[in-house]
Amino acid sequence: MRAGNSRAAALLVAGAFFMEFLDGTVISTAAPDMAASLHVRPVDIGVTMTAYLVTVAVLIPVSGWAADRYGARRVFTWAIGLFTVASLLCATAASLPELVAMRVVQGAGGAMMVPVGRLVVLRGTAKPDLLRAVAYLTWPGLVAPVLAPVLGGLFTTYASWRWIFLVNVPLGALALVLALRLIPDGLREADRPPLDLVGFVLGGSGVAALVYGMELLGAQPPEWAVAGGTTAAGALLCALAARHLLRARHPLIDLRTLRVRTFLVSNAGGALFRAAITTVPFLLPLMFQGAFGWSAAASGLALIGVFAGNIAVKPFTTPLLRRFGFRRVLVVNGAATAVTFVLCGLIGTGTPMAAVVAALFIGGVCRSISLSGYTTIAFADIEPDRTSTANALSSTVQQLATGMGVAFAALALRAAGPLSSLVGLRGPAAPYQMAFMLLALLPLAAVAEAVRLAPDAGSSVTGSPPVHPAGPPRRVSDRSAR
């Protein structure tokens, strides 16, 4: 793929990712109006979000196999079409069961659309150009969670909740036309083995149970027994799936890619970091509205500070990684991210708005740098013939990390109540402040993973000379990979 087409394809996939990510979270703001329109309780609308997220989680692992078997271009364009048509049907739904059914179809399109699109970019981009291409692919994950409450509120207030889905129709149609022009045909493996049904059933069921269990942990009120049982069942199924995948001759996902140290650290530390940054758009609006008494509009506008930080640092992310290397940037920036959580915990009712926006802006800068680093280094040492299965595994981990973030935020907020009294915090904002202090441990845990990287890790994509140019990619032992 030529450099110009590679850049355009990366932007196209980024736009598709934005649509998919936005539709997974934007409904929460519009839930009351949707409930009134469909004649159900607001709490019942949550099933539409769960159905979508679970469908995405279940089908992501099969995306690599489908792209190799039927061609990345064919699967990507069909996924866009399915997502677009399902969005139109969601907008015209007349009942909750109808909306849930269409959300499942929409989730199926999203599950194939984003991982396969990213696979196209990874396969068509040379290693030295990977940093810039991945920079395009990471911005939707940074921007969508911040803009979702704002857009949901605007659509609901000034139009209708149905526009949350209708806006995808022209965007999807444009993406389909561009995909047919930009995505090359022939990106497939002629001798791809049959689908690993046992791995798909075990892995899909396990991931679905984990995502659903995490959703229940974040529910109001929490269903502890059901959430705990579902999460435990999901963990057991995932363990059985891992056992099968390590023994299967043609596994759905090759877990042996975790022997590549950069890939392992990117997914382990990256999952912790992604879970950490997911908590911020979840907790801040609750604190601003519930503790400070701000309006929904003021709360949403304050979060624009995070968005501004994400965008402002983008031109400098690639030069930073090239100049200082992945390990140093991820370690220093991970520690800085923990500091931004502490800053959020210090925000009070008397904090000037300028200081609030400045703290959120710094947080946005840190989010953007680390997420670009983790996403890029994941594929720095992956051989071309393993890109497909590595991409599917990485996408699944990212989906789980997002669910983990909401669950961690809810658990931290509940634990913060008694803890805030013990440390002398008072007032309605005290539980939120304490929760941010607790959640600062997540990016610090990600730092502990980043330290395990070699000084020259990712040199193939930064263009820096490796410390051991003649040596193979660094791998962990079989024992530590398991």
Protein backbone atom coordinates (compact mmCIF):
# COMPACT_ATOMS: atom_id res chain seq x y z
CA MET A 1 0.00 0.00 0.00
CA ARG A 2 1.45 3.40 -0.96
CA ALA A 3 2.21 5.94 1.78
CA GLY A 4 -0.63 8.25 0.73
CA ASN A 5 -3.16 5.43 0.58
CA SER A 6 -1.88 4.06 3.88
CA ARG A 7 -2.50 7.42 5.57
CA ALA A 8 -5.96 7.74 4.02
CA ALA A 9 -6.83 4.16 5.02
CA ALA A 10 -5.70 4.86 8.59
CA LEU A 11 -7.95 7.92 8.74
CA LEU A 12 -10.85 5.89 7.33
CA VAL A 13 -10.40 3.17 9.94
CA ALA A 14 -10.10 5.84 12.64
CA GLY A 15 -13.46 7.25 11.56
CA ALA A 16 -15.02 3.79 11.68
CA PHE A 17 -13.51 3.25 15.13
CA PHE A 18 -14.99 6.55 16.29
CA MET A 19 -18.48 5.52 15.17
CA GLU A 20 -18.17 2.11 16.83
CA PHE A 21 -16.75 3.46 20.10
CA LEU A 22 -19.22 6.35 20.29
CA ASP A 23 -22.24 4.10 19.86
CA GLY A 24 -21.02 1.92 22.71
CA THR A 25 -21.18 4.76 25.24
CA VAL A 26 -23.38 7.61 23.98
CA ILE A 27 -26.69 6.00 25.00
CA SER A 28 -26.11 6.57 28.73
CA THR A 29 -26.85 10.31 28.39
CA ALA A 30 -30.01 9.76 26.37
CA ALA A 31 -31.40 6.91 28.52
CA PRO A 32 -34.25 8.89 30.18
CA ASP A 33 -35.65 10.19 26.88
CA MET A 34 -35.24 6.80 25.21
CA ALA A 35 -37.10 5.15 28.08
CA ALA A 36 -39.98 7.61 27.84
CA SER A 37 -40.22 7.12 24.08
CA LEU A 38 -40.19 3.32 24.33
CA HIS A 39 -42.45 3.24 27.44
CA VAL A 40 -39.97 1.49 29.73
CA ARG A 41 -37.98 2.43 32.84
CA PRO A 42 -34.68 4.33 32.32
CA VAL A 43 -32.78 1.50 34.00
CA ASP A 44 -34.09 -0.91 31.36
CA ILE A 45 -32.24 0.98 28.62
CA GLY A 46 -28.98 -0.36 30.02
CA VAL A 47 -29.63 -3.69 28.32
CA THR A 48 -29.12 -2.00 24.93
CA MET A 49 -25.58 -0.99 25.93
CA THR A 50 -24.83 -4.41 27.39
CA ALA A 51 -26.14 -6.24 24.31
CA TYR A 52 -23.91 -4.12 22.08
CA LEU A 53 -20.76 -4.48 24.19
CA VAL A 54 -21.19 -8.22 24.70
CA THR A 55 -21.72 -8.82 20.98
CA VAL A 56 -18.57 -6.86 20.14
CA ALA A 57 -16.58 -8.77 22.76
CA VAL A 58 -17.77 -12.18 21.52
CA LEU A 59 -17.11 -11.61 17.83
CA ILE A 60 -13.80 -9.72 17.94
CA PRO A 61 -11.72 -12.93 18.29
CA VAL A 62 -13.12 -14.31 15.04
CA SER A 63 -12.35 -11.12 13.08
CA GLY A 64 -8.80 -12.17 12.17
CA TRP A 65 -9.91 -15.57 10.91
CA ALA A 66 -12.70 -13.99 8.83
CA ALA A 67 -10.32 -11.45 7.27
CA ASP A 68 -7.80 -14.15 6.36
CA ARG A 69 -10.47 -16.49 5.00
CA TYR A 70 -12.67 -14.08 3.03
CA GLY A 71 -10.38 -11.10 2.49
CA ALA A 72 -9.93 -8.01 4.66
CA ARG A 73 -11.54 -5.69 2.12
CA ARG A 74 -14.67 -7.81 1.77
CA VAL A 75 -15.13 -8.27 5.53
CA PHE A 76 -14.43 -4.58 6.27
CA THR A 77 -16.90 -3.27 3.68
CA TRP A 78 -19.60 -5.75 4.71
CA ALA A 79 -19.06 -4.77 8.35
CA ILE A 80 -19.49 -1.08 7.53
CA GLY A 81 -22.66 -1.85 5.59
CA LEU A 82 -24.06 -3.99 8.40
CA PHE A 83 -23.24 -1.35 11.03
CA THR A 84 -24.85 1.40 8.92
CA VAL A 85 -28.06 -0.52 8.19
CA ALA A 86 -28.34 -1.59 11.83
CA SER A 87 -27.93 2.04 12.91
CA LEU A 88 -30.86 3.04 10.69
CA LEU A 89 -32.98 0.22 12.14
CA CYS A 90 -32.01 1.26 15.69
CA ALA A 91 -33.25 4.78 14.93
CA THR A 92 -36.62 3.44 13.76
CA ALA A 93 -37.09 0.93 16.60
CA ALA A 94 -40.57 1.09 18.13
CA SER A 95 -39.96 -1.10 21.19
CA LEU A 96 -37.15 -2.08 23.54
CA PRO A 97 -36.85 -5.70 22.28
CA GLU A 98 -36.60 -4.40 18.71
CA LEU A 99 -33.90 -1.92 19.72
CA VAL A 100 -31.94 -4.61 21.58
CA ALA A 101 -32.07 -6.93 18.57
CA MET A 102 -30.77 -4.20 16.26
CA ARG A 103 -28.05 -3.31 18.75
CA VAL A 104 -26.85 -6.92 18.56
CA VAL A 105 -26.66 -6.63 14.77
CA GLN A 106 -24.90 -3.28 15.10
CA GLY A 107 -22.43 -4.83 17.52
CA ALA A 108 -21.70 -7.62 15.03
CA GLY A 109 -20.80 -5.00 12.44
CA GLY A 110 -18.67 -3.06 14.91
CA ALA A 111 -16.83 -6.19 16.04
CA MET A 112 -15.64 -6.85 12.48
CA MET A 113 -15.32 -3.25 11.32
CA VAL A 114 -12.64 -1.95 13.67
CA PRO A 115 -10.26 -4.93 14.14
CA VAL A 116 -10.30 -5.80 10.43
CA GLY A 117 -9.79 -2.17 9.48
CA ARG A 118 -6.84 -1.92 11.84
CA LEU A 119 -5.46 -5.16 10.38
CA VAL A 120 -5.53 -3.59 6.91
CA VAL A 121 -3.51 -0.62 8.17
CA LEU A 122 -1.00 -2.79 10.04
CA ARG A 123 -0.40 -5.05 7.05
CA GLY A 124 -0.15 -2.20 4.58
CA THR A 125 2.18 0.07 6.59
CA ALA A 126 5.96 -0.26 6.72
CA LYS A 127 7.48 -0.45 10.22
CA PRO A 128 9.08 3.03 10.07
CA ASP A 129 5.68 4.55 9.18
CA LEU A 130 3.79 2.62 11.86
CA LEU A 131 4.07 5.35 14.51
CA ARG A 132 2.29 7.90 12.35
CA ALA A 133 -0.39 5.45 11.17
CA VAL A 134 -1.16 4.29 14.70
CA ALA A 135 -1.39 7.92 15.83
CA TYR A 136 -4.45 8.22 13.57
CA LEU A 137 -5.93 5.00 14.95
CA THR A 138 -5.67 6.00 18.62
CA TRP A 139 -7.51 9.31 18.60
CA PRO A 140 -11.05 7.81 18.48
CA GLY A 141 -10.41 5.90 21.71
CA LEU A 142 -9.31 9.15 23.32
CA VAL A 143 -11.97 11.46 21.90
CA ALA A 144 -15.12 9.30 21.81
CA PRO A 145 -15.47 8.74 25.60
CA VAL A 146 -15.12 12.49 26.17
CA LEU A 147 -17.47 13.62 23.40
CA ALA A 148 -20.12 10.93 24.00
CA PRO A 149 -21.82 12.71 26.96
CA VAL A 150 -21.71 16.03 25.11
CA LEU A 151 -23.13 14.71 21.83
CA GLY A 152 -25.70 12.56 23.60
CA GLY A 153 -26.91 15.55 25.56
CA LEU A 154 -27.04 17.81 22.48
CA PHE A 155 -28.93 15.27 20.35
CA THR A 156 -31.39 14.55 23.13
CA THR A 157 -31.96 18.19 24.09
CA TYR A 158 -32.21 19.80 20.67
CA ALA A 159 -33.34 16.95 18.40
CA SER A 160 -34.19 13.37 19.35
CA TRP A 161 -32.37 10.33 20.74
CA ARG A 162 -32.91 8.69 17.37
CA TRP A 163 -30.30 11.04 15.87
CA ILE A 164 -27.67 9.21 17.92
CA PHE A 165 -28.11 6.41 15.38
CA LEU A 166 -29.23 8.38 12.32
CA VAL A 167 -25.97 10.33 12.19
CA ASN A 168 -24.20 7.06 11.42
CA VAL A 169 -26.11 6.58 8.17
CA PRO A 170 -24.43 9.28 6.02
CA LEU A 171 -21.10 8.66 7.76
CA GLY A 172 -21.36 4.92 7.10
CA ALA A 173 -22.33 5.46 3.46
CA LEU A 174 -19.30 7.72 2.95
CA ALA A 175 -17.03 5.23 4.72
CA LEU A 176 -18.30 2.42 2.48
CA VAL A 177 -17.49 4.39 -0.69
CA LEU A 178 -14.03 5.29 0.60
CA ALA A 179 -13.34 1.70 1.70
CA LEU A 180 -14.08 0.38 -1.78
CA ARG A 181 -11.61 2.92 -3.21
CA LEU A 182 -8.83 2.78 -0.59
CA ILE A 183 -8.71 -0.77 0.76
CA PRO A 184 -6.78 -3.12 -1.56
CA ASP A 185 -8.26 -6.48 -2.44
CA GLY A 186 -6.37 -9.70 -1.92
CA LEU A 187 -5.38 -9.28 1.74
CA ARG A 188 -6.14 -12.88 2.66
CA GLU A 189 -4.54 -16.26 3.28
CA ALA A 190 -5.50 -18.86 0.71
CA ASP A 191 -4.69 -21.80 2.99
CA ARG A 192 -6.40 -20.52 6.14
CA PRO A 193 -7.53 -23.56 8.21
CA PRO A 194 -11.16 -24.04 9.27
CA LEU A 195 -12.59 -21.99 12.13
CA ASP A 196 -11.58 -23.22 15.59
CA LEU A 197 -15.12 -23.74 16.88
CA VAL A 198 -14.06 -24.96 20.32
CA GLY A 199 -11.83 -21.93 20.83
CA PHE A 200 -14.56 -19.62 19.55
CA VAL A 201 -17.26 -21.04 21.84
CA LEU A 202 -15.05 -21.15 24.95
CA GLY A 203 -13.36 -17.82 24.31
CA GLY A 204 -16.51 -16.02 23.19
CA SER A 205 -18.53 -17.29 26.15
CA GLY A 206 -15.75 -16.39 28.59
CA VAL A 207 -15.24 -12.89 27.24
CA ALA A 208 -19.01 -12.28 27.12
CA ALA A 209 -19.39 -13.39 30.74
CA LEU A 210 -16.50 -11.18 31.85
CA VAL A 211 -17.87 -8.11 30.05
CA TYR A 212 -21.39 -8.73 31.40
CA GLY A 213 -20.06 -9.31 34.93
CA MET A 214 -18.14 -6.03 34.79
CA GLU A 215 -21.27 -4.25 33.58
CA LEU A 216 -23.17 -5.63 36.58
CA LEU A 217 -20.43 -4.45 38.96
CA GLY A 218 -20.93 -0.92 37.67
CA ALA A 219 -24.72 -1.08 37.80
CA GLN A 220 -26.83 0.96 40.18
CA PRO A 221 -27.60 -0.71 42.50
CA PRO A 222 -24.91 -3.40 42.08
CA GLU A 223 -25.96 -7.03 41.87
CA TRP A 224 -23.05 -8.48 43.79
CA ALA A 225 -24.03 -12.15 43.72
CA VAL A 226 -24.89 -12.24 40.03
CA ALA A 227 -21.92 -10.05 39.08
CA GLY A 228 -19.48 -12.15 41.09
CA GLY A 229 -20.84 -15.43 39.74
CA THR A 230 -20.84 -14.21 36.15
CA THR A 231 -17.33 -12.81 36.39
CA ALA A 232 -16.01 -16.01 38.00
CA ALA A 233 -17.67 -18.11 35.29
CA GLY A 234 -16.14 -15.88 32.63
CA ALA A 235 -12.67 -16.23 34.16
CA LEU A 236 -13.05 -20.03 34.26
CA LEU A 237 -14.19 -20.20 30.64
CA CYS A 238 -11.33 -17.95 29.56
CA ALA A 239 -8.88 -20.22 31.39
CA LEU A 240 -10.32 -23.25 29.60
CA ALA A 241 -10.13 -21.35 26.31
CA ALA A 242 -6.47 -20.49 26.94
CA ARG A 243 -5.72 -24.13 27.70
CA HIS A 244 -7.35 -25.19 24.44
CA LEU A 245 -5.69 -22.44 22.37
CA LEU A 246 -2.24 -23.42 23.63
CA ARG A 247 -2.83 -27.04 22.63
CA ALA A 248 -4.81 -26.68 19.40
CA ARG A 249 -3.06 -27.26 16.09
CA HIS A 250 -4.84 -24.33 14.43
CA PRO A 251 -6.06 -22.09 17.29
CA LEU A 252 -8.50 -19.25 16.71
CA ILE A 253 -6.01 -16.94 18.45
CA ASP A 254 -2.35 -17.87 18.81
CA LEU A 255 -1.46 -17.11 22.44
CA ARG A 256 2.17 -17.80 21.63
CA THR A 257 2.38 -14.23 20.32
CA LEU A 258 2.51 -13.27 24.01
CA ARG A 259 6.06 -14.63 24.03
CA VAL A 260 7.07 -11.44 22.22
CA ARG A 261 7.92 -9.14 25.11
CA THR A 262 6.81 -5.89 23.48
CA PHE A 263 3.44 -7.43 22.63
CA LEU A 264 3.01 -8.87 26.13
CA VAL A 265 3.93 -5.65 27.93
CA SER A 266 1.77 -3.58 25.57
CA ASN A 267 -1.28 -5.68 26.31
CA ALA A 268 -0.69 -6.18 30.05
CA GLY A 269 0.40 -2.64 30.88
CA GLY A 270 -1.75 -1.18 28.13
CA ALA A 271 -4.85 -2.86 29.56
CA LEU A 272 -4.18 -1.35 32.98
CA PHE A 273 -3.59 2.07 31.45
CA ARG A 274 -6.69 1.86 29.25
CA ALA A 275 -8.79 0.80 32.24
CA ALA A 276 -7.41 3.76 34.20
CA ILE A 277 -8.24 6.40 31.59
CA THR A 278 -11.72 4.92 31.07
CA THR A 279 -12.59 5.81 34.67
CA VAL A 280 -12.13 9.56 34.14
CA PRO A 281 -15.08 10.27 31.77
CA PHE A 282 -17.17 8.02 34.04
CA LEU A 283 -16.39 9.64 37.40
CA LEU A 284 -15.90 13.30 36.55
CA PRO A 285 -19.46 14.00 35.31
CA LEU A 286 -20.81 12.25 38.41
CA MET A 287 -18.67 14.46 40.66
CA PHE A 288 -19.41 17.66 38.78
CA GLN A 289 -23.17 17.11 38.76
CA GLY A 290 -23.75 15.08 41.93
CA ALA A 291 -21.28 16.81 44.29
CA PHE A 292 -20.76 20.27 42.79
CA GLY A 293 -24.30 20.78 41.45
CA TRP A 294 -23.18 21.65 37.94
CA SER A 295 -25.54 21.33 34.99
CA ALA A 296 -25.06 18.52 32.48
CA ALA A 297 -23.99 21.09 29.89
CA ALA A 298 -21.32 22.64 32.16
CA SER A 299 -20.07 19.18 33.13
CA GLY A 300 -19.77 18.13 29.49
CA LEU A 301 -18.03 21.34 28.48
CA ALA A 302 -15.44 20.97 31.26
CA LEU A 303 -14.48 17.59 29.80
CA ILE A 304 -13.49 19.39 26.60
CA GLY A 305 -10.25 20.11 28.47
CA VAL A 306 -9.39 16.41 28.19
CA PHE A 307 -10.22 16.47 24.48
CA ALA A 308 -8.06 19.58 23.95
CA GLY A 309 -5.10 17.89 25.64
CA ASN A 310 -5.56 14.78 23.49
CA ILE A 311 -5.44 16.80 20.28
CA ALA A 312 -2.82 19.39 21.26
CA VAL A 313 -0.09 16.84 21.96
CA LYS A 314 -0.68 14.69 18.86
CA PRO A 315 1.92 16.49 16.66
CA PHE A 316 4.55 15.92 19.36
CA THR A 317 3.83 12.27 20.24
CA THR A 318 5.81 10.69 17.41
CA PRO A 319 8.89 12.94 17.90
CA LEU A 320 8.82 12.19 21.64
CA LEU A 321 8.79 8.44 21.07
CA ARG A 322 11.54 8.68 18.45
CA ARG A 323 13.71 10.88 20.67
CA PHE A 324 13.36 9.13 24.04
CA GLY A 325 12.17 5.60 23.14
CA PHE A 326 9.11 3.68 24.25
CA ARG A 327 10.28 2.55 27.68
CA ARG A 328 11.31 5.96 28.96
CA VAL A 329 8.19 7.68 27.59
CA LEU A 330 5.78 5.06 28.97
CA VAL A 331 7.44 5.03 32.40
CA VAL A 332 7.64 8.81 32.83
CA ASN A 333 4.25 9.48 31.27
CA GLY A 334 2.59 6.70 33.27
CA ALA A 335 3.83 8.29 36.50
CA ALA A 336 2.62 11.69 35.25
CA THR A 337 -0.81 10.17 34.54
CA ALA A 338 -1.00 8.99 38.16
CA VAL A 339 -0.29 12.59 39.23
CA THR A 340 -3.21 13.82 37.08
CA PHE A 341 -5.51 11.42 38.96
CA VAL A 342 -4.32 13.00 42.21
CA LEU A 343 -5.03 16.44 40.71
CA CYS A 344 -8.59 15.34 39.90
CA GLY A 345 -8.88 14.19 43.52
CA LEU A 346 -7.87 17.66 44.72
CA ILE A 347 -10.62 19.43 42.78
CA GLY A 348 -13.18 20.91 45.15
CA THR A 349 -16.22 23.19 45.02
CA GLY A 350 -14.00 26.25 45.35
CA THR A 351 -11.50 25.28 42.65
CA PRO A 352 -11.42 27.90 39.86
CA MET A 353 -12.71 26.66 36.51
CA ALA A 354 -9.40 27.57 34.89
CA ALA A 355 -7.58 25.23 37.28
CA VAL A 356 -10.10 22.43 36.61
CA VAL A 357 -9.68 22.74 32.85
CA ALA A 358 -5.88 22.92 33.20
CA ALA A 359 -5.81 19.68 35.22
CA LEU A 360 -8.02 17.95 32.66
CA PHE A 361 -5.90 19.30 29.81
CA ILE A 362 -2.74 17.80 31.36
CA GLY A 363 -4.61 14.54 31.84
CA GLY A 364 -5.59 14.55 28.17
CA VAL A 365 -1.97 15.07 27.14
CA CYS A 366 -0.82 12.10 29.23
CA ARG A 367 -3.64 9.87 27.93
CA SER A 368 -2.74 10.60 24.33
CA ILE A 369 0.99 9.98 24.61
CA SER A 370 0.79 6.66 26.47
CA LEU A 371 -2.08 5.23 24.45
CA SER A 372 -0.22 5.94 21.21
CA GLY A 373 2.89 4.31 22.66
CA TYR A 374 1.15 1.15 23.85
CA THR A 375 -0.79 0.73 20.62
CA THR A 376 2.27 1.15 18.41
CA ILE A 377 4.78 -0.98 20.28
CA ALA A 378 2.32 -3.90 20.38
CA PHE A 379 3.14 -4.72 16.74
CA ALA A 380 6.76 -3.56 16.61
CA ASP A 381 8.18 -7.10 16.80
CA ILE A 382 5.25 -9.14 15.47
CA GLU A 383 6.06 -11.16 12.35
CA PRO A 384 3.79 -10.43 9.34
CA ASP A 385 2.25 -13.92 9.40
CA ARG A 386 1.12 -13.39 13.02
CA THR A 387 -0.33 -9.89 12.57
CA SER A 388 -3.88 -11.18 12.12
CA THR A 389 -4.08 -13.27 15.30
CA ALA A 390 -2.10 -10.66 17.30
CA ASN A 391 -4.53 -7.96 16.19
CA ALA A 392 -7.56 -10.03 17.25
CA LEU A 393 -6.02 -10.80 20.64
CA SER A 394 -5.07 -7.16 21.21
CA SER A 395 -8.56 -5.95 20.25
CA THR A 396 -10.14 -8.42 22.67
CA VAL A 397 -7.88 -7.23 25.49
CA GLN A 398 -8.80 -3.61 24.75
CA GLN A 399 -12.50 -4.44 24.90
CA LEU A 400 -12.06 -6.14 28.27
CA ALA A 401 -9.94 -3.25 29.56
CA THR A 402 -12.72 -0.78 28.78
CA GLY A 403 -15.19 -2.85 30.77
CA MET A 404 -12.66 -3.20 33.58
CA GLY A 405 -12.31 0.58 33.76
CA VAL A 406 -16.00 1.18 34.45
CA ALA A 407 -16.05 -1.65 36.99
CA PHE A 408 -12.92 -0.31 38.73
CA ALA A 409 -14.43 3.17 38.87
CA ALA A 410 -17.65 1.89 40.45
CA LEU A 411 -15.78 -0.25 42.97
CA ALA A 412 -13.38 2.58 43.86
CA LEU A 413 -16.29 4.93 44.43
CA ARG A 414 -17.98 2.48 46.79
CA ALA A 415 -14.77 1.80 48.70
CA ALA A 416 -14.03 5.54 48.87
CA GLY A 417 -17.02 6.27 51.12
CA PRO A 418 -15.66 4.73 54.34
CA LEU A 419 -12.03 5.45 53.40
CA SER A 420 -12.65 9.18 52.92
CA SER A 421 -13.96 9.41 56.49
CA LEU A 422 -10.87 7.64 57.82
CA VAL A 423 -8.50 10.14 56.19
CA GLY A 424 -10.57 13.17 57.19
CA LEU A 425 -12.18 14.08 53.86
CA ARG A 426 -15.59 15.69 54.27
CA GLY A 427 -18.34 16.95 52.03
CA PRO A 428 -20.30 15.57 49.07
CA ALA A 429 -17.19 15.44 46.86
CA ALA A 430 -15.15 13.39 49.37
CA PRO A 431 -15.99 9.92 47.94
CA TYR A 432 -15.09 11.05 44.42
CA GLN A 433 -11.85 12.65 45.57
CA MET A 434 -10.85 9.49 47.42
CA ALA A 435 -11.83 7.33 44.44
CA PHE A 436 -9.42 9.26 42.19
CA MET A 437 -6.64 8.76 44.73
CA LEU A 438 -7.28 5.01 44.71
CA LEU A 439 -7.45 4.83 40.92
CA ALA A 440 -4.04 6.52 40.65
CA LEU A 441 -2.64 3.07 41.45
CA LEU A 442 -3.71 1.77 38.03
CA PRO A 443 -1.32 3.87 35.90
CA LEU A 444 1.42 3.14 38.45
CA ALA A 445 0.81 -0.59 37.90
CA ALA A 446 1.14 0.06 34.16
CA VAL A 447 4.50 1.72 34.87
CA ALA A 448 5.65 -1.47 36.59
CA GLU A 449 4.95 -3.32 33.33
CA ALA A 450 6.63 -0.68 31.14
CA VAL A 451 9.84 -0.97 33.16
CA ARG A 452 10.17 -4.54 31.84
CA LEU A 453 10.75 -3.24 28.31
CA ALA A 454 14.28 -3.22 26.94
CA PRO A 455 15.89 0.22 26.41
CA ASP A 456 15.77 -0.32 22.63
CA ALA A 457 12.23 -1.74 22.57
CA GLY A 458 10.34 -0.67 19.46
CA SER A 459 13.42 0.55 17.61
CA SER A 460 12.07 -0.98 14.39
CA VAL A 461 9.24 1.57 14.33
CA THR A 462 11.05 4.58 15.80
CA GLY A 463 13.95 4.26 13.40
CA SER A 464 16.49 4.29 16.23
CA PRO A 465 19.38 1.82 16.01
CA PRO A 466 18.75 -1.18 18.29
CA VAL A 467 21.08 -1.89 21.16
CA HIS A 468 21.47 -5.49 19.89
CA PRO A 469 21.01 -5.12 16.11
CA ALA A 470 21.91 -8.72 15.37
CA GLY A 471 19.64 -10.29 17.94
CA PRO A 472 16.09 -11.53 17.43
CA PRO A 473 13.02 -9.78 18.91
CA ARG A 474 13.01 -10.05 22.66
CA ARG A 475 10.73 -12.80 23.93
CA VAL A 476 9.68 -13.92 27.33
CA SER A 477 10.02 -17.52 28.40
CA ASP A 478 7.22 -19.97 27.86
CA ARG A 479 6.66 -20.15 31.60
CA SER A 480 6.14 -16.39 32.04
CA ALA A 481 3.90 -16.23 28.99
CA ARG A 482 1.43 -18.67 30.37
